[in-house]
Amino acid sequence: MTQKTQRDLVAEYFAGFRTSDHPRILATLADDVEWVIHGHRTTHGKAEFDGEIENPAFTGSPELDVQRIHEDGPVVITTGEGRGTSLDHGRFRFAFNDLFTFRDGLITRVDSYVVPLP
C-alpha cells in the first residue's frame, strides 16, 4: 500500500468538505489539531474541529475550487475560491487561503483566511 503524500491528504480534506464527510476529513487530522479561522475562531482538537465542519450558520456543503497548491517541507499552502449558503444571507462567494502544517503524516494545524467576494 502506498503512503499518502501531504498533497494527497490535503486533497482528501477538501473532498471531505465538498461532501460534508466528517470521517474523511477527520482521518487527515492529528488528534491535537488546531484550526485557526483568522478573524472568526480557533478550534483545538478533533472534537472541536468536527463541530466547525458544518457550522450551524450555514446550510449544505461548500463548493471549493482549489486553484494553487504550494508545498515546502511540512507545510502545504492552497488558494482558491468557493461558494456556500448562509442561513441569514443566502448564497455567497469567497476567496480562501489555507495553510496546512503536518507532523508525522497528519495535519496538525490549519490556518484559514476567508475573504468575501462580490
PDB file of N, CA and C in Angstrom:
ATOM      1  N   MET A   1       0.841  -1.180   0.000  1.00  0.00           N
ATOM      2  CA  MET A   1       0.000   0.000   0.000  1.00  0.00           C
ATOM      3  C   MET A   1       0.886   1.243   0.000  1.00  0.00           C
ATOM      4  N   THR A   2       0.581   2.194  -0.860  1.00  0.00           N
ATOM      5  CA  THR A   2       1.359   3.406  -0.989  1.00  0.00           C
ATOM      6  C   THR A   2       0.958   4.416   0.084  1.00  0.00           C
ATOM      7  N   GLN A   3       1.970   5.004   0.729  1.00  0.00           N
ATOM      8  CA  GLN A   3       1.684   6.009   1.744  1.00  0.00           C
ATOM      9  C   GLN A   3       1.226   7.295   1.063  1.00  0.00           C
ATOM     10  N   LYS A   4       0.229   7.957   1.631  1.00  0.00           N
ATOM     11  CA  LYS A   4      -0.299   9.186   1.053  1.00  0.00           C
ATOM     12  C   LYS A   4       0.668  10.337   1.295  1.00  0.00           C
ATOM     13  N   THR A   5       0.807  11.183   0.283  1.00  0.00           N
ATOM     14  CA  THR A   5       1.631  12.375   0.411  1.00  0.00           C
ATOM     15  C   THR A   5       0.837  13.461   1.132  1.00  0.00           C
ATOM     16  N   GLN A   6       1.514  14.514   1.502  1.00  0.00           N
ATOM     17  CA  GLN A   6       0.837  15.646   2.139  1.00  0.00           C
ATOM     18  C   GLN A   6      -0.200  16.232   1.188  1.00  0.00           C
ATOM     19  N   ARG A   7       0.142  16.327  -0.101  1.00  0.00           N
ATOM     20  CA  ARG A   7      -0.814  16.847  -1.091  1.00  0.00           C
ATOM     21  C   ARG A   7      -2.031  15.931  -1.201  1.00  0.00           C
ATOM     22  N   ASP A   8      -1.810  14.613  -1.122  1.00  0.00           N
ATOM     23  CA  ASP A   8      -2.931  13.666  -1.156  1.00  0.00           C
ATOM     24  C   ASP A   8      -3.868  13.908   0.026  1.00  0.00           C
ATOM     25  N   LEU A   9      -3.296  14.128   1.206  1.00  0.00           N
ATOM     26  CA  LEU A   9      -4.118  14.365   2.397  1.00  0.00           C
ATOM     27  C   LEU A   9      -4.897  15.672   2.288  1.00  0.00           C
ATOM     28  N   VAL A  10      -4.270  16.697   1.722  1.00  0.00           N
ATOM     29  CA  VAL A  10      -4.978  17.964   1.524  1.00  0.00           C
ATOM     30  C   VAL A  10      -6.125  17.766   0.524  1.00  0.00           C
ATOM     31  N   ALA A  11      -5.895  16.987  -0.527  1.00  0.00           N
ATOM     32  CA  ALA A  11      -6.961  16.686  -1.492  1.00  0.00           C
ATOM     33  C   ALA A  11      -8.107  15.935  -0.815  1.00  0.00           C
ATOM     34  N   GLU A  12      -7.781  14.982   0.065  1.00  0.00           N
ATOM     35  CA  GLU A  12      -8.807  14.251   0.829  1.00  0.00           C
ATOM     36  C   GLU A  12      -9.599  15.206   1.725  1.00  0.00           C
ATOM     37  N   TYR A  13      -8.894  16.101   2.384  1.00  0.00           N
ATOM     38  CA  TYR A  13      -9.510  17.100   3.263  1.00  0.00           C
ATOM     39  C   TYR A  13     -10.554  17.905   2.495  1.00  0.00           C
ATOM     40  N   PHE A  14     -10.162  18.451   1.337  1.00  0.00           N
ATOM     41  CA  PHE A  14     -11.093  19.253   0.543  1.00  0.00           C
ATOM     42  C   PHE A  14     -12.237  18.401  -0.004  1.00  0.00           C
ATOM     43  N   ALA A  15     -11.947  17.179  -0.438  1.00  0.00           N
ATOM     44  CA  ALA A  15     -13.006  16.285  -0.929  1.00  0.00           C
ATOM     45  C   ALA A  15     -14.021  16.022   0.176  1.00  0.00           C
ATOM     46  N   GLY A  16     -13.544  15.864   1.401  1.00  0.00           N
ATOM     47  CA  GLY A  16     -14.436  15.668   2.538  1.00  0.00           C
ATOM     48  C   GLY A  16     -15.329  16.871   2.780  1.00  0.00           C
ATOM     49  N   PHE A  17     -14.760  18.075   2.688  1.00  0.00           N
ATOM     50  CA  PHE A  17     -15.571  19.280   2.890  1.00  0.00           C
ATOM     51  C   PHE A  17     -16.616  19.444   1.798  1.00  0.00           C
ATOM     52  N   ARG A  18     -16.265  19.087   0.571  1.00  0.00           N
ATOM     53  CA  ARG A  18     -17.216  19.229  -0.541  1.00  0.00           C
ATOM     54  C   ARG A  18     -18.456  18.354  -0.362  1.00  0.00           C
ATOM     55  N   THR A  19     -18.363  17.305   0.449  1.00  0.00           N
ATOM     56  CA  THR A  19     -19.494  16.397   0.664  1.00  0.00           C
ATOM     57  C   THR A  19     -19.909  16.320   2.136  1.00  0.00           C
ATOM     58  N   SER A  20     -19.333  17.192   2.973  1.00  0.00           N
ATOM     59  CA  SER A  20     -19.598  17.190   4.425  1.00  0.00           C
ATOM     60  C   SER A  20     -19.349  15.815   5.030  1.00  0.00           C
ATOM     61  N   ASP A  21     -18.293  15.161   4.579  1.00  0.00           N
ATOM     62  CA  ASP A  21     -17.918  13.816   5.031  1.00  0.00           C
ATOM     63  C   ASP A  21     -16.978  13.932   6.223  1.00  0.00           C
ATOM     64  N   HIS A  22     -17.548  13.981   7.415  1.00  0.00           N
ATOM     65  CA  HIS A  22     -16.768  14.176   8.643  1.00  0.00           C
ATOM     66  C   HIS A  22     -15.662  13.129   8.811  1.00  0.00           C
ATOM     67  N   PRO A  23     -15.952  11.823   8.702  1.00  0.00           N
ATOM     68  CA  PRO A  23     -14.882  10.834   8.887  1.00  0.00           C
ATOM     69  C   PRO A  23     -13.727  11.014   7.901  1.00  0.00           C
ATOM     70  N   ARG A  24     -14.048  11.375   6.666  1.00  0.00           N
ATOM     71  CA  ARG A  24     -12.998  11.566   5.650  1.00  0.00           C
ATOM     72  C   ARG A  24     -12.080  12.729   6.036  1.00  0.00           C
ATOM     73  N   ILE A  25     -12.664  13.818   6.510  1.00  0.00           N
ATOM     74  CA  ILE A  25     -11.871  14.978   6.936  1.00  0.00           C
ATOM     75  C   ILE A  25     -11.059  14.634   8.180  1.00  0.00           C
ATOM     76  N   LEU A  26     -11.721  14.057   9.169  1.00  0.00           N
ATOM     77  CA  LEU A  26     -11.062  13.772  10.447  1.00  0.00           C
ATOM     78  C   LEU A  26      -9.916  12.779  10.293  1.00  0.00           C
ATOM     79  N   ALA A  27      -9.971  11.900   9.290  1.00  0.00           N
ATOM     80  CA  ALA A  27      -8.901  10.932   9.060  1.00  0.00           C
ATOM     81  C   ALA A  27      -7.599  11.600   8.613  1.00  0.00           C
ATOM     82  N   THR A  28      -7.679  12.850   8.168  1.00  0.00           N
ATOM     83  CA  THR A  28      -6.474  13.566   7.727  1.00  0.00           C
ATOM     84  C   THR A  28      -5.814  14.336   8.864  1.00  0.00           C
ATOM     85  N   LEU A  29      -6.453  14.365  10.031  1.00  0.00           N
ATOM     86  CA  LEU A  29      -6.038  15.247  11.128  1.00  0.00           C
ATOM     87  C   LEU A  29      -5.387  14.506  12.289  1.00  0.00           C
ATOM     88  N   ALA A  30      -4.402  15.166  12.904  1.00  0.00           N
ATOM     89  CA  ALA A  30      -3.837  14.681  14.166  1.00  0.00           C
ATOM     90  C   ALA A  30      -4.863  14.929  15.276  1.00  0.00           C
ATOM     91  N   ASP A  31      -4.790  14.145  16.342  1.00  0.00           N
ATOM     92  CA  ASP A  31      -5.736  14.295  17.456  1.00  0.00           C
ATOM     93  C   ASP A  31      -5.698  15.698  18.069  1.00  0.00           C
ATOM     94  N   ASP A  32      -4.513  16.319  18.081  1.00  0.00           N
ATOM     95  CA  ASP A  32      -4.359  17.633  18.713  1.00  0.00           C
ATOM     96  C   ASP A  32      -4.406  18.777  17.684  1.00  0.00           C
ATOM     97  N   VAL A  33      -5.084  18.563  16.567  1.00  0.00           N
ATOM     98  CA  VAL A  33      -5.157  19.565  15.501  1.00  0.00           C
ATOM     99  C   VAL A  33      -5.692  20.896  16.024  1.00  0.00           C
ATOM    100  N   GLU A  34      -5.179  21.956  15.457  1.00  0.00           N
ATOM    101  CA  GLU A  34      -5.650  23.303  15.760  1.00  0.00           C
ATOM    102  C   GLU A  34      -6.102  23.931  14.445  1.00  0.00           C
ATOM    103  N   TRP A  35      -7.290  24.527  14.428  1.00  0.00           N
ATOM    104  CA  TRP A  35      -7.806  25.199  13.233  1.00  0.00           C
ATOM    105  C   TRP A  35      -8.021  26.656  13.585  1.00  0.00           C
ATOM    106  N   VAL A  36      -7.217  27.523  12.995  1.00  0.00           N
ATOM    107  CA  VAL A  36      -7.315  28.953  13.219  1.00  0.00           C
ATOM    108  C   VAL A  36      -8.025  29.554  12.010  1.00  0.00           C
ATOM    109  N   ILE A  37      -9.262  29.954  12.196  1.00  0.00           N
ATOM    110  CA  ILE A  37     -10.018  30.641  11.150  1.00  0.00           C
ATOM    111  C   ILE A  37      -9.878  32.120  11.496  1.00  0.00           C
ATOM    112  N   HIS A  38      -8.882  32.750  10.879  1.00  0.00           N
ATOM    113  CA  HIS A  38      -8.485  34.108  11.261  1.00  0.00           C
ATOM    114  C   HIS A  38      -9.664  35.077  11.160  1.00  0.00           C
ATOM    115  N   GLY A  39      -9.863  35.833  12.240  1.00  0.00           N
ATOM    116  CA  GLY A  39     -10.960  36.780  12.328  1.00  0.00           C
ATOM    117  C   GLY A  39     -12.273  36.152  12.766  1.00  0.00           C
ATOM    118  N   HIS A  40     -12.275  34.836  13.027  1.00  0.00           N
ATOM    119  CA  HIS A  40     -13.519  34.155  13.398  1.00  0.00           C
ATOM    120  C   HIS A  40     -13.368  33.387  14.704  1.00  0.00           C
ATOM    121  N   ARG A  41     -12.560  32.305  14.687  1.00  0.00           N
ATOM    122  CA  ARG A  41     -12.372  31.497  15.891  1.00  0.00           C
ATOM    123  C   ARG A  41     -11.232  30.509  15.706  1.00  0.00           C
ATOM    124  N   THR A  42     -10.847  29.873  16.804  1.00  0.00           N
ATOM    125  CA  THR A  42      -9.828  28.824  16.796  1.00  0.00           C
ATOM    126  C   THR A  42     -10.411  27.599  17.477  1.00  0.00           C
ATOM    127  N   THR A  43     -10.224  26.445  16.841  1.00  0.00           N
ATOM    128  CA  THR A  43     -10.656  25.193  17.456  1.00  0.00           C
ATOM    129  C   THR A  43      -9.415  24.415  17.880  1.00  0.00           C
ATOM    130  N   HIS A  44      -9.564  23.597  18.919  1.00  0.00           N
ATOM    131  CA  HIS A  44      -8.475  22.778  19.440  1.00  0.00           C
ATOM    132  C   HIS A  44      -8.950  21.335  19.534  1.00  0.00           C
ATOM    133  N   GLY A  45      -8.261  20.432  18.854  1.00  0.00           N
ATOM    134  CA  GLY A  45      -8.600  19.017  18.900  1.00  0.00           C
ATOM    135  C   GLY A  45      -9.654  18.638  17.870  1.00  0.00           C
ATOM    136  N   LYS A  46      -9.734  17.326  17.622  1.00  0.00           N
ATOM    137  CA  LYS A  46     -10.647  16.811  16.607  1.00  0.00           C
ATOM    138  C   LYS A  46     -12.117  17.078  16.927  1.00  0.00           C
ATOM    139  N   ALA A  47     -12.504  16.994  18.192  1.00  0.00           N
ATOM    140  CA  ALA A  47     -13.918  17.180  18.547  1.00  0.00           C
ATOM    141  C   ALA A  47     -14.390  18.590  18.206  1.00  0.00           C
ATOM    142  N   GLU A  48     -13.600  19.606  18.583  1.00  0.00           N
ATOM    143  CA  GLU A  48     -13.969  20.990  18.251  1.00  0.00           C
ATOM    144  C   GLU A  48     -13.924  21.213  16.743  1.00  0.00           C
ATOM    145  N   PHE A  49     -12.912  20.650  16.081  1.00  0.00           N
ATOM    146  CA  PHE A  49     -12.790  20.770  14.631  1.00  0.00           C
ATOM    147  C   PHE A  49     -14.033  20.187  13.967  1.00  0.00           C
ATOM    148  N   ASP A  50     -14.447  19.014  14.430  1.00  0.00           N
ATOM    149  CA  ASP A  50     -15.622  18.339  13.881  1.00  0.00           C
ATOM    150  C   ASP A  50     -16.858  19.221  13.999  1.00  0.00           C
ATOM    151  N   GLY A  51     -16.991  19.945  15.102  1.00  0.00           N
ATOM    152  CA  GLY A  51     -18.134  20.817  15.308  1.00  0.00           C
ATOM    153  C   GLY A  51     -18.181  22.001  14.357  1.00  0.00           C
ATOM    154  N   GLU A  52     -17.052  22.363  13.792  1.00  0.00           N
ATOM    155  CA  GLU A  52     -16.984  23.509  12.870  1.00  0.00           C
ATOM    156  C   GLU A  52     -17.143  23.083  11.418  1.00  0.00           C
ATOM    157  N   ILE A  53     -17.040  21.788  11.115  1.00  0.00           N
ATOM    158  CA  ILE A  53     -17.131  21.316   9.723  1.00  0.00           C
ATOM    159  C   ILE A  53     -18.463  21.732   9.113  1.00  0.00           C
ATOM    160  N   GLU A  54     -19.547  21.553   9.830  1.00  0.00           N
ATOM    161  CA  GLU A  54     -20.855  22.011   9.367  1.00  0.00           C
ATOM    162  C   GLU A  54     -21.369  23.033  10.363  1.00  0.00           C
ATOM    163  N   ASN A  55     -20.875  24.243  10.212  1.00  0.00           N
ATOM    164  CA  ASN A  55     -21.249  25.344  11.084  1.00  0.00           C
ATOM    165  C   ASN A  55     -22.756  25.568  10.985  1.00  0.00           C
ATOM    166  N   PRO A  56     -23.465  25.697  12.128  1.00  0.00           N
ATOM    167  CA  PRO A  56     -24.925  25.842  12.098  1.00  0.00           C
ATOM    168  C   PRO A  56     -25.412  27.109  11.403  1.00  0.00           C
ATOM    169  N   ALA A  57     -24.538  28.076  11.131  1.00  0.00           N
ATOM    170  CA  ALA A  57     -24.945  29.300  10.440  1.00  0.00           C
ATOM    171  C   ALA A  57     -25.047  29.092   8.923  1.00  0.00           C
ATOM    172  N   PHE A  58     -24.660  27.906   8.439  1.00  0.00           N
ATOM    173  CA  PHE A  58     -24.651  27.622   7.004  1.00  0.00           C
ATOM    174  C   PHE A  58     -25.448  26.360   6.721  1.00  0.00           C
ATOM    175  N   THR A  59     -25.839  26.198   5.473  1.00  0.00           N
ATOM    176  CA  THR A  59     -26.565  25.007   5.064  1.00  0.00           C
ATOM    177  C   THR A  59     -25.872  24.385   3.856  1.00  0.00           C
ATOM    178  N   GLY A  60     -25.909  23.075   3.781  1.00  0.00           N
ATOM    179  CA  GLY A  60     -25.300  22.375   2.661  1.00  0.00           C
ATOM    180  C   GLY A  60     -23.787  22.332   2.739  1.00  0.00           C
ATOM    181  N   SER A  61     -23.191  21.740   1.729  1.00  0.00           N
ATOM    182  CA  SER A  61     -21.733  21.624   1.638  1.00  0.00           C
ATOM    183  C   SER A  61     -21.190  22.736   0.748  1.00  0.00           C
ATOM    184  N   PRO A  62     -20.004  23.248   1.058  1.00  0.00           N
ATOM    185  CA  PRO A  62     -19.444  24.305   0.220  1.00  0.00           C
ATOM    186  C   PRO A  62     -18.918  23.751  -1.105  1.00  0.00           C
ATOM    187  N   GLU A  63     -18.956  24.586  -2.118  1.00  0.00           N
ATOM    188  CA  GLU A  63     -18.285  24.293  -3.382  1.00  0.00           C
ATOM    189  C   GLU A  63     -16.900  24.915  -3.261  1.00  0.00           C
ATOM    190  N   LEU A  64     -15.850  24.122  -3.424  1.00  0.00           N
ATOM    191  CA  LEU A  64     -14.480  24.596  -3.234  1.00  0.00           C
ATOM    192  C   LEU A  64     -13.651  24.305  -4.474  1.00  0.00           C
ATOM    193  N   ASP A  65     -13.067  25.343  -5.054  1.00  0.00           N
ATOM    194  CA  ASP A  65     -12.204  25.208  -6.219  1.00  0.00           C
ATOM    195  C   ASP A  65     -10.787  25.601  -5.815  1.00  0.00           C
ATOM    196  N   VAL A  66      -9.934  24.608  -5.598  1.00  0.00           N
ATOM    197  CA  VAL A  66      -8.537  24.874  -5.260  1.00  0.00           C
ATOM    198  C   VAL A  66      -7.834  25.278  -6.549  1.00  0.00           C
ATOM    199  N   GLN A  67      -7.212  26.449  -6.543  1.00  0.00           N
ATOM    200  CA  GLN A  67      -6.571  26.963  -7.750  1.00  0.00           C
ATOM    201  C   GLN A  67      -5.057  26.819  -7.737  1.00  0.00           C
ATOM    202  N   ARG A  68      -4.457  26.920  -6.566  1.00  0.00           N
ATOM    203  CA  ARG A  68      -2.995  26.803  -6.471  1.00  0.00           C
ATOM    204  C   ARG A  68      -2.625  26.003  -5.237  1.00  0.00           C
ATOM    205  N   ILE A  69      -1.550  25.229  -5.352  1.00  0.00           N
ATOM    206  CA  ILE A  69      -1.013  24.466  -4.225  1.00  0.00           C
ATOM    207  C   ILE A  69       0.500  24.658  -4.234  1.00  0.00           C
ATOM    208  N   HIS A  70       1.043  24.955  -3.068  1.00  0.00           N
ATOM    209  CA  HIS A  70       2.492  25.077  -2.911  1.00  0.00           C
ATOM    210  C   HIS A  70       2.881  24.253  -1.691  1.00  0.00           C
ATOM    211  N   GLU A  71       3.961  23.495  -1.811  1.00  0.00           N
ATOM    212  CA  GLU A  71       4.428  22.663  -0.706  1.00  0.00           C
ATOM    213  C   GLU A  71       5.868  23.011  -0.389  1.00  0.00           C
ATOM    214  N   ASP A  72       6.159  23.173   0.900  1.00  0.00           N
ATOM    215  CA  ASP A  72       7.517  23.446   1.363  1.00  0.00           C
ATOM    216  C   ASP A  72       7.712  22.731   2.690  1.00  0.00           C
ATOM    217  N   GLY A  73       8.435  21.617   2.667  1.00  0.00           N
ATOM    218  CA  GLY A  73       8.665  20.846   3.886  1.00  0.00           C
ATOM    219  C   GLY A  73       7.354  20.382   4.486  1.00  0.00           C
ATOM    220  N   PRO A  74       7.118  20.675   5.784  1.00  0.00           N
ATOM    221  CA  PRO A  74       5.909  20.195   6.448  1.00  0.00           C
ATOM    222  C   PRO A  74       4.688  21.100   6.239  1.00  0.00           C
ATOM    223  N   VAL A  75       4.739  21.981   5.232  1.00  0.00           N
ATOM    224  CA  VAL A  75       3.650  22.939   5.014  1.00  0.00           C
ATOM    225  C   VAL A  75       3.125  22.836   3.584  1.00  0.00           C
ATOM    226  N   VAL A  76       1.794  22.817   3.457  1.00  0.00           N
ATOM    227  CA  VAL A  76       1.126  22.887   2.156  1.00  0.00           C
ATOM    228  C   VAL A  76       0.206  24.099   2.198  1.00  0.00           C
ATOM    229  N   ILE A  77       0.310  24.953   1.170  1.00  0.00           N
ATOM    230  CA  ILE A  77      -0.498  26.165   1.085  1.00  0.00           C
ATOM    231  C   ILE A  77      -1.408  26.048  -0.127  1.00  0.00           C
ATOM    232  N   THR A  78      -2.686  26.356   0.073  1.00  0.00           N
ATOM    233  CA  THR A  78      -3.645  26.338  -1.025  1.00  0.00           C
ATOM    234  C   THR A  78      -4.335  27.693  -1.127  1.00  0.00           C
ATOM    235  N   THR A  79      -4.707  28.046  -2.344  1.00  0.00           N
ATOM    236  CA  THR A  79      -5.565  29.205  -2.571  1.00  0.00           C
ATOM    237  C   THR A  79      -6.691  28.763  -3.485  1.00  0.00           C
ATOM    238  N   GLY A  80      -7.808  29.447  -3.378  1.00  0.00           N
ATOM    239  CA  GLY A  80      -8.925  29.104  -4.241  1.00  0.00           C
ATOM    240  C   GLY A  80     -10.121  29.986  -3.998  1.00  0.00           C
ATOM    241  N   GLU A  81     -11.228  29.575  -4.612  1.00  0.00           N
ATOM    242  CA  GLU A  81     -12.496  30.275  -4.447  1.00  0.00           C
ATOM    243  C   GLU A  81     -13.580  29.266  -4.105  1.00  0.00           C
ATOM    244  N   GLY A  82     -14.608  29.740  -3.435  1.00  0.00           N
ATOM    245  CA  GLY A  82     -15.699  28.856  -3.045  1.00  0.00           C
ATOM    246  C   GLY A  82     -17.034  29.559  -3.051  1.00  0.00           C
ATOM    247  N   ARG A  83     -18.060  28.742  -2.872  1.00  0.00           N
ATOM    248  CA  ARG A  83     -19.422  29.222  -2.771  1.00  0.00           C
ATOM    249  C   ARG A  83     -20.123  28.447  -1.664  1.00  0.00           C
ATOM    250  N   GLY A  84     -21.001  29.130  -0.981  1.00  0.00           N
ATOM    251  CA  GLY A  84     -21.739  28.485   0.094  1.00  0.00           C
ATOM    252  C   GLY A  84     -23.087  29.154   0.278  1.00  0.00           C
ATOM    253  N   THR A  85     -23.825  28.678   1.281  1.00  0.00           N
ATOM    254  CA  THR A  85     -25.131  29.247   1.571  1.00  0.00           C
ATOM    255  C   THR A  85     -25.238  29.529   3.064  1.00  0.00           C
ATOM    256  N   SER A  86     -25.435  30.779   3.392  1.00  0.00           N
ATOM    257  CA  SER A  86     -25.633  31.223   4.771  1.00  0.00           C
ATOM    258  C   SER A  86     -27.124  31.216   5.063  1.00  0.00           C
ATOM    259  N   LEU A  87     -27.505  30.770   6.248  1.00  0.00           N
ATOM    260  CA  LEU A  87     -28.922  30.785   6.628  1.00  0.00           C
ATOM    261  C   LEU A  87     -29.479  32.208   6.666  1.00  0.00           C
ATOM    262  N   ASP A  88     -28.667  33.173   7.079  1.00  0.00           N
ATOM    263  CA  ASP A  88     -29.130  34.556   7.211  1.00  0.00           C
ATOM    264  C   ASP A  88     -29.065  35.355   5.915  1.00  0.00           C
ATOM    265  N   HIS A  89     -28.095  35.024   5.028  1.00  0.00           N
ATOM    266  CA  HIS A  89     -27.847  35.879   3.865  1.00  0.00           C
ATOM    267  C   HIS A  89     -27.932  35.162   2.524  1.00  0.00           C
ATOM    268  N   GLY A  90     -28.194  33.881   2.508  1.00  0.00           N
ATOM    269  CA  GLY A  90     -28.306  33.148   1.236  1.00  0.00           C
ATOM    270  C   GLY A  90     -26.951  32.832   0.620  1.00  0.00           C
ATOM    271  N   ARG A  91     -26.932  32.675  -0.698  1.00  0.00           N
ATOM    272  CA  ARG A  91     -25.716  32.286  -1.426  1.00  0.00           C
ATOM    273  C   ARG A  91     -24.649  33.378  -1.336  1.00  0.00           C
ATOM    274  N   PHE A  92     -23.392  32.943  -1.255  1.00  0.00           N
ATOM    275  CA  PHE A  92     -22.279  33.886  -1.225  1.00  0.00           C
ATOM    276  C   PHE A  92     -21.048  33.236  -1.854  1.00  0.00           C
ATOM    277  N   ARG A  93     -20.120  34.092  -2.275  1.00  0.00           N
ATOM    278  CA  ARG A  93     -18.841  33.655  -2.850  1.00  0.00           C
ATOM    279  C   ARG A  93     -17.720  34.130  -1.945  1.00  0.00           C
ATOM    280  N   PHE A  94     -16.596  33.418  -1.964  1.00  0.00           N
ATOM    281  CA  PHE A  94     -15.459  33.804  -1.144  1.00  0.00           C
ATOM    282  C   PHE A  94     -14.160  33.308  -1.771  1.00  0.00           C
ATOM    283  N   ALA A  95     -13.091  33.988  -1.440  1.00  0.00           N
ATOM    284  CA  ALA A  95     -11.745  33.523  -1.770  1.00  0.00           C
ATOM    285  C   ALA A  95     -11.166  32.951  -0.481  1.00  0.00           C
ATOM    286  N   PHE A  96     -10.292  31.943  -0.616  1.00  0.00           N
ATOM    287  CA  PHE A  96      -9.695  31.364   0.587  1.00  0.00           C
ATOM    288  C   PHE A  96      -8.218  31.063   0.371  1.00  0.00           C
ATOM    289  N   ASN A  97      -7.532  31.027   1.475  1.00  0.00           N
ATOM    290  CA  ASN A  97      -6.138  30.609   1.549  1.00  0.00           C
ATOM    291  C   ASN A  97      -6.040  29.751   2.798  1.00  0.00           C
ATOM    292  N   ASP A  98      -5.613  28.500   2.622  1.00  0.00           N
ATOM    293  CA  ASP A  98      -5.431  27.600   3.757  1.00  0.00           C
ATOM    294  C   ASP A  98      -3.981  27.159   3.814  1.00  0.00           C
ATOM    295  N   LEU A  99      -3.398  27.259   4.984  1.00  0.00           N
ATOM    296  CA  LEU A  99      -2.026  26.821   5.227  1.00  0.00           C
ATOM    297  C   LEU A  99      -2.103  25.620   6.155  1.00  0.00           C
ATOM    298  N   PHE A 100      -1.651  24.454   5.669  1.00  0.00           N
ATOM    299  CA  PHE A 100      -1.703  23.202   6.416  1.00  0.00           C
ATOM    300  C   PHE A 100      -0.303  22.876   6.933  1.00  0.00           C
ATOM    301  N   THR A 101      -0.174  22.615   8.225  1.00  0.00           N
ATOM    302  CA  THR A 101       1.089  22.203   8.818  1.00  0.00           C
ATOM    303  C   THR A 101       0.965  20.730   9.206  1.00  0.00           C
ATOM    304  N   PHE A 102       1.966  19.938   8.845  1.00  0.00           N
ATOM    305  CA  PHE A 102       1.953  18.488   9.062  1.00  0.00           C
ATOM    306  C   PHE A 102       2.961  18.061  10.110  1.00  0.00           C
ATOM    307  N   ARG A 103       2.628  16.956  10.787  1.00  0.00           N
ATOM    308  CA  ARG A 103       3.537  16.265  11.698  1.00  0.00           C
ATOM    309  C   ARG A 103       3.190  14.780  11.613  1.00  0.00           C
ATOM    310  N   ASP A 104       4.182  13.964  11.417  1.00  0.00           N
ATOM    311  CA  ASP A 104       4.003  12.509  11.383  1.00  0.00           C
ATOM    312  C   ASP A 104       2.902  12.074  10.404  1.00  0.00           C
ATOM    313  N   GLY A 105       2.841  12.728   9.256  1.00  0.00           N
ATOM    314  CA  GLY A 105       1.918  12.321   8.206  1.00  0.00           C
ATOM    315  C   GLY A 105       0.479  12.761   8.373  1.00  0.00           C
ATOM    316  N   LEU A 106       0.203  13.647   9.347  1.00  0.00           N
ATOM    317  CA  LEU A 106      -1.155  14.145   9.551  1.00  0.00           C
ATOM    318  C   LEU A 106      -1.145  15.664   9.685  1.00  0.00           C
ATOM    319  N   ILE A 107      -2.284  16.277   9.419  1.00  0.00           N
ATOM    320  CA  ILE A 107      -2.419  17.724   9.554  1.00  0.00           C
ATOM    321  C   ILE A 107      -2.532  18.064  11.043  1.00  0.00           C
ATOM    322  N   THR A 108      -1.648  18.947  11.511  1.00  0.00           N
ATOM    323  CA  THR A 108      -1.666  19.353  12.917  1.00  0.00           C
ATOM    324  C   THR A 108      -2.197  20.768  13.125  1.00  0.00           C
ATOM    325  N   ARG A 109      -2.200  21.556  12.055  1.00  0.00           N
ATOM    326  CA  ARG A 109      -2.708  22.932  12.151  1.00  0.00           C
ATOM    327  C   ARG A 109      -3.201  23.364  10.784  1.00  0.00           C
ATOM    328  N   VAL A 110      -4.341  24.071  10.798  1.00  0.00           N
ATOM    329  CA  VAL A 110      -4.870  24.678   9.587  1.00  0.00           C
ATOM    330  C   VAL A 110      -5.078  26.152   9.891  1.00  0.00           C
ATOM    331  N   ASP A 111      -4.428  27.010   9.105  1.00  0.00           N
ATOM    332  CA  ASP A 111      -4.661  28.448   9.178  1.00  0.00           C
ATOM    333  C   ASP A 111      -5.517  28.808   7.987  1.00  0.00           C
ATOM    334  N   SER A 112      -6.746  29.271   8.240  1.00  0.00           N
ATOM    335  CA  SER A 112      -7.681  29.611   7.166  1.00  0.00           C
ATOM    336  C   SER A 112      -7.919  31.113   7.122  1.00  0.00           C
ATOM    337  N   TYR A 113      -7.825  31.652   5.913  1.00  0.00           N
ATOM    338  CA  TYR A 113      -8.129  33.056   5.650  1.00  0.00           C
ATOM    339  C   TYR A 113      -9.247  33.064   4.614  1.00  0.00           C
ATOM    340  N   VAL A 114     -10.357  33.704   4.929  1.00  0.00           N
ATOM    341  CA  VAL A 114     -11.517  33.709   4.040  1.00  0.00           C
ATOM    342  C   VAL A 114     -11.909  35.171   3.784  1.00  0.00           C
ATOM    343  N   VAL A 115     -12.080  35.502   2.490  1.00  0.00           N
ATOM    344  CA  VAL A 115     -12.433  36.864   2.099  1.00  0.00           C
ATOM    345  C   VAL A 115     -13.710  36.808   1.264  1.00  0.00           C
ATOM    346  N   PRO A 116     -14.758  37.548   1.668  1.00  0.00           N
ATOM    347  CA  PRO A 116     -15.988  37.573   0.856  1.00  0.00           C
ATOM    348  C   PRO A 116     -15.718  38.185  -0.514  1.00  0.00           C
ATOM    349  N   LEU A 117     -16.396  37.658  -1.537  1.00  0.00           N
ATOM    350  CA  LEU A 117     -16.296  38.202  -2.890  1.00  0.00           C
ATOM    351  C   LEU A 117     -17.662  38.728  -3.308  1.00  0.00           C
ATOM    352  N   PRO A 118     -17.675  39.734  -4.175  1.00  0.00           N
ATOM    353  CA  PRO A 118     -18.967  40.284  -4.653  1.00  0.00           C
ATOM    354  C   PRO A 118     -19.721  39.263  -5.492  1.00  0.00           C
TER     355      PRO A 118
END
